[in-house]
Amino acid sequence: MSKRDKLIAKLLNRESTVTYQEISYLLGKLGYEETQKGKTSGSRGAFINMSEKHIIRLHKPHPGNELKDYVKKEIISELKDRKLI
């Protein structure tokens, strides 16, 4: 099982915690590029898939590093809608 597949399984597991770095890596493997633009982009991140013309926006967790459950659900929903997972 590849690292990408393990991260997908971890994301889909309700009991697991997922870090911002793990999501960043996974989205990169799925064709998204992280971008930060604008003066208020410090805690916000956008992941853009140019071929799909799709953007996933999320806030970087702080002070910790783990994504909230509602953020995980949003990412899962977006990726399932695009048939990427």
N, C-alpha and C. Protein backbone atom coordinates (compact mmCIF):
# COMPACT_ATOMS: atom_id res chain seq x y z
N MET A 1 0.85 -1.17 0.00
CA MET A 1 0.00 0.00 0.00
C MET A 1 0.90 1.24 0.00
N SER A 2 0.65 2.17 -0.91
CA SER A 2 1.47 3.37 -1.02
C SER A 2 1.14 4.36 0.10
N LYS A 3 2.01 5.35 0.26
CA LYS A 3 1.78 6.39 1.27
C LYS A 3 0.48 7.13 0.97
N ARG A 4 0.23 7.38 -0.32
CA ARG A 4 -0.99 8.06 -0.74
C ARG A 4 -2.22 7.25 -0.32
N ASP A 5 -2.19 5.96 -0.56
CA ASP A 5 -3.32 5.10 -0.21
C ASP A 5 -3.52 5.03 1.31
N LYS A 6 -2.41 5.01 2.05
CA LYS A 6 -2.51 5.01 3.52
C LYS A 6 -3.13 6.30 4.03
N LEU A 7 -2.77 7.42 3.41
CA LEU A 7 -3.34 8.70 3.84
C LEU A 7 -4.83 8.79 3.49
N ILE A 8 -5.22 8.23 2.36
CA ILE A 8 -6.64 8.21 2.00
C ILE A 8 -7.41 7.38 3.03
N ALA A 9 -6.87 6.22 3.38
CA ALA A 9 -7.52 5.37 4.39
C ALA A 9 -7.59 6.09 5.73
N LYS A 10 -6.54 6.80 6.09
CA LYS A 10 -6.52 7.54 7.35
C LYS A 10 -7.55 8.67 7.32
N LEU A 11 -7.67 9.36 6.20
CA LEU A 11 -8.64 10.44 6.07
C LEU A 11 -10.06 9.90 6.19
N LEU A 12 -10.34 8.75 5.62
CA LEU A 12 -11.67 8.17 5.64
C LEU A 12 -12.04 7.54 6.98
N ASN A 13 -11.04 7.27 7.82
CA ASN A 13 -11.28 6.69 9.14
C ASN A 13 -11.72 7.79 10.10
N ARG A 14 -12.93 7.69 10.61
CA ARG A 14 -13.48 8.73 11.50
C ARG A 14 -12.68 8.89 12.78
N GLU A 15 -12.04 7.83 13.23
CA GLU A 15 -11.33 7.86 14.51
C GLU A 15 -9.92 8.45 14.40
N SER A 16 -9.39 8.56 13.21
CA SER A 16 -8.00 9.00 13.06
C SER A 16 -7.90 10.52 13.04
N THR A 17 -6.73 11.00 13.37
CA THR A 17 -6.44 12.43 13.26
C THR A 17 -5.54 12.63 12.05
N VAL A 18 -5.78 13.73 11.35
CA VAL A 18 -5.03 14.04 10.13
C VAL A 18 -4.43 15.42 10.30
N THR A 19 -3.15 15.56 9.96
CA THR A 19 -2.48 16.85 10.08
C THR A 19 -2.58 17.63 8.78
N TYR A 20 -2.33 18.92 8.89
CA TYR A 20 -2.34 19.79 7.71
C TYR A 20 -1.27 19.34 6.71
N GLN A 21 -0.11 18.93 7.20
CA GLN A 21 0.96 18.48 6.32
C GLN A 21 0.55 17.22 5.56
N GLU A 22 -0.15 16.32 6.23
CA GLU A 22 -0.61 15.10 5.55
C GLU A 22 -1.61 15.43 4.45
N ILE A 23 -2.54 16.35 4.73
CA ILE A 23 -3.51 16.75 3.71
C ILE A 23 -2.81 17.45 2.56
N SER A 24 -1.85 18.29 2.88
CA SER A 24 -1.09 18.99 1.85
C SER A 24 -0.39 17.99 0.93
N TYR A 25 0.23 16.97 1.52
CA TYR A 25 0.90 15.93 0.74
C TYR A 25 -0.10 15.17 -0.13
N LEU A 26 -1.21 14.75 0.47
CA LEU A 26 -2.22 13.97 -0.24
C LEU A 26 -2.81 14.77 -1.41
N LEU A 27 -3.18 16.02 -1.14
CA LEU A 27 -3.75 16.83 -2.21
C LEU A 27 -2.73 17.06 -3.33
N GLY A 28 -1.47 17.18 -2.97
CA GLY A 28 -0.41 17.29 -3.98
C GLY A 28 -0.35 16.06 -4.87
N LYS A 29 -0.49 14.89 -4.27
CA LYS A 29 -0.48 13.64 -5.03
C LYS A 29 -1.73 13.49 -5.90
N LEU A 30 -2.80 14.19 -5.52
CA LEU A 30 -4.05 14.12 -6.29
C LEU A 30 -4.14 15.24 -7.33
N GLY A 31 -3.05 15.99 -7.52
CA GLY A 31 -2.99 16.99 -8.58
C GLY A 31 -3.25 18.42 -8.15
N TYR A 32 -3.29 18.68 -6.85
CA TYR A 32 -3.53 20.03 -6.35
C TYR A 32 -2.21 20.70 -5.98
N GLU A 33 -2.16 22.02 -6.15
CA GLU A 33 -1.00 22.80 -5.74
C GLU A 33 -1.45 23.79 -4.68
N GLU A 34 -0.65 23.92 -3.62
CA GLU A 34 -1.00 24.86 -2.55
C GLU A 34 -0.58 26.27 -2.95
N THR A 35 -1.45 27.21 -2.68
CA THR A 35 -1.14 28.60 -2.95
C THR A 35 -1.59 29.46 -1.79
N GLN A 36 -0.85 30.52 -1.54
CA GLN A 36 -1.21 31.48 -0.51
C GLN A 36 -1.02 32.86 -1.11
N LYS A 37 -2.12 33.55 -1.29
CA LYS A 37 -2.06 34.89 -1.85
C LYS A 37 -2.94 35.81 -1.03
N GLY A 38 -2.58 37.06 -1.01
CA GLY A 38 -3.36 38.04 -0.27
C GLY A 38 -2.76 38.33 1.09
N LYS A 39 -3.12 39.47 1.63
CA LYS A 39 -2.51 39.88 2.89
C LYS A 39 -3.04 39.12 4.09
N THR A 40 -4.20 38.46 3.97
CA THR A 40 -4.75 37.71 5.10
C THR A 40 -4.60 36.20 4.91
N SER A 41 -3.70 35.79 4.03
CA SER A 41 -3.59 34.37 3.73
C SER A 41 -2.74 33.60 4.73
N GLY A 42 -2.30 34.22 5.80
CA GLY A 42 -1.43 33.55 6.75
C GLY A 42 -2.01 32.27 7.31
N SER A 43 -3.28 32.27 7.69
CA SER A 43 -3.87 31.08 8.26
C SER A 43 -4.78 30.36 7.28
N ARG A 44 -4.89 30.88 6.07
CA ARG A 44 -5.73 30.23 5.06
C ARG A 44 -4.86 29.63 3.98
N GLY A 45 -5.29 28.51 3.48
CA GLY A 45 -4.60 27.88 2.38
C GLY A 45 -5.60 27.51 1.30
N ALA A 46 -5.14 27.56 0.07
CA ALA A 46 -5.98 27.14 -1.04
C ALA A 46 -5.19 26.11 -1.84
N PHE A 47 -5.86 25.07 -2.22
CA PHE A 47 -5.27 24.02 -3.03
C PHE A 47 -6.01 24.03 -4.37
N ILE A 48 -5.26 24.23 -5.43
CA ILE A 48 -5.86 24.40 -6.75
C ILE A 48 -5.45 23.24 -7.65
N ASN A 49 -6.45 22.66 -8.30
CA ASN A 49 -6.22 21.64 -9.32
C ASN A 49 -6.53 22.29 -10.66
N MET A 50 -5.48 22.66 -11.39
CA MET A 50 -5.66 23.40 -12.62
C MET A 50 -6.37 22.58 -13.70
N SER A 51 -6.09 21.29 -13.78
CA SER A 51 -6.73 20.47 -14.82
C SER A 51 -8.22 20.31 -14.57
N GLU A 52 -8.61 20.24 -13.31
CA GLU A 52 -10.03 20.11 -12.94
C GLU A 52 -10.70 21.47 -12.74
N LYS A 53 -9.88 22.53 -12.67
CA LYS A 53 -10.37 23.88 -12.36
C LYS A 53 -11.19 23.88 -11.07
N HIS A 54 -10.55 23.34 -10.05
CA HIS A 54 -11.21 23.15 -8.76
C HIS A 54 -10.32 23.67 -7.64
N ILE A 55 -10.93 24.32 -6.65
CA ILE A 55 -10.20 24.87 -5.52
C ILE A 55 -10.77 24.30 -4.22
N ILE A 56 -9.87 23.89 -3.34
CA ILE A 56 -10.24 23.49 -1.99
C ILE A 56 -9.59 24.50 -1.05
N ARG A 57 -10.42 25.19 -0.27
CA ARG A 57 -9.91 26.20 0.67
C ARG A 57 -10.07 25.67 2.09
N LEU A 58 -9.06 25.90 2.91
CA LEU A 58 -9.17 25.53 4.30
C LEU A 58 -8.25 26.36 5.16
N HIS A 59 -8.57 26.43 6.43
CA HIS A 59 -7.74 27.16 7.38
C HIS A 59 -6.71 26.21 7.97
N LYS A 60 -5.51 26.72 8.12
CA LYS A 60 -4.47 25.93 8.78
C LYS A 60 -4.81 25.89 10.26
N PRO A 61 -4.78 24.70 10.84
CA PRO A 61 -5.10 24.60 12.27
C PRO A 61 -4.01 25.25 13.12
N HIS A 62 -4.43 25.92 14.15
CA HIS A 62 -3.48 26.49 15.09
C HIS A 62 -4.18 26.68 16.42
N PRO A 63 -3.55 26.51 17.52
CA PRO A 63 -2.12 26.35 17.66
C PRO A 63 -1.66 24.93 17.36
N GLY A 64 -2.55 23.96 17.30
CA GLY A 64 -2.16 22.59 16.98
C GLY A 64 -1.98 22.39 15.50
N ASN A 65 -1.87 21.14 15.10
CA ASN A 65 -1.60 20.82 13.71
C ASN A 65 -2.68 19.91 13.12
N GLU A 66 -3.61 19.45 13.95
CA GLU A 66 -4.61 18.48 13.50
C GLU A 66 -5.84 19.18 12.95
N LEU A 67 -6.36 18.63 11.84
CA LEU A 67 -7.57 19.19 11.23
C LEU A 67 -8.79 18.83 12.07
N LYS A 68 -9.73 19.74 12.11
CA LYS A 68 -11.01 19.50 12.79
C LYS A 68 -11.82 18.49 11.99
N ASP A 69 -12.75 17.82 12.66
CA ASP A 69 -13.57 16.81 11.99
C ASP A 69 -14.39 17.39 10.84
N TYR A 70 -14.93 18.60 11.02
CA TYR A 70 -15.74 19.18 9.95
C TYR A 70 -14.89 19.50 8.71
N VAL A 71 -13.62 19.82 8.91
CA VAL A 71 -12.72 20.08 7.78
C VAL A 71 -12.45 18.77 7.04
N LYS A 72 -12.21 17.70 7.80
CA LYS A 72 -12.01 16.39 7.18
C LYS A 72 -13.22 16.01 6.34
N LYS A 73 -14.42 16.22 6.88
CA LYS A 73 -15.65 15.88 6.14
C LYS A 73 -15.78 16.69 4.86
N GLU A 74 -15.43 17.97 4.92
CA GLU A 74 -15.50 18.82 3.73
C GLU A 74 -14.53 18.34 2.66
N ILE A 75 -13.31 17.99 3.07
CA ILE A 75 -12.30 17.52 2.12
C ILE A 75 -12.75 16.20 1.51
N ILE A 76 -13.24 15.28 2.33
CA ILE A 76 -13.74 13.99 1.82
C ILE A 76 -14.84 14.22 0.81
N SER A 77 -15.79 15.09 1.13
CA SER A 77 -16.90 15.38 0.23
C SER A 77 -16.41 15.94 -1.09
N GLU A 78 -15.50 16.90 -1.04
CA GLU A 78 -14.96 17.50 -2.27
C GLU A 78 -14.25 16.46 -3.13
N LEU A 79 -13.44 15.62 -2.50
CA LEU A 79 -12.68 14.62 -3.26
C LEU A 79 -13.58 13.52 -3.81
N LYS A 80 -14.61 13.14 -3.07
CA LYS A 80 -15.55 12.14 -3.57
C LYS A 80 -16.37 12.70 -4.73
N ASP A 81 -16.77 13.97 -4.62
CA ASP A 81 -17.53 14.60 -5.72
C ASP A 81 -16.72 14.61 -7.02
N ARG A 82 -15.41 14.75 -6.90
CA ARG A 82 -14.51 14.77 -8.07
C ARG A 82 -14.04 13.36 -8.44
N LYS A 83 -14.51 12.36 -7.69
CA LYS A 83 -14.15 10.96 -7.92
C LYS A 83 -12.63 10.73 -7.84
N LEU A 84 -12.01 11.44 -6.89
CA LEU A 84 -10.57 11.28 -6.66
C LEU A 84 -10.29 10.27 -5.56
N ILE A 85 -11.31 9.99 -4.74
CA ILE A 85 -11.16 8.94 -3.73
C ILE A 85 -12.43 8.09 -3.74
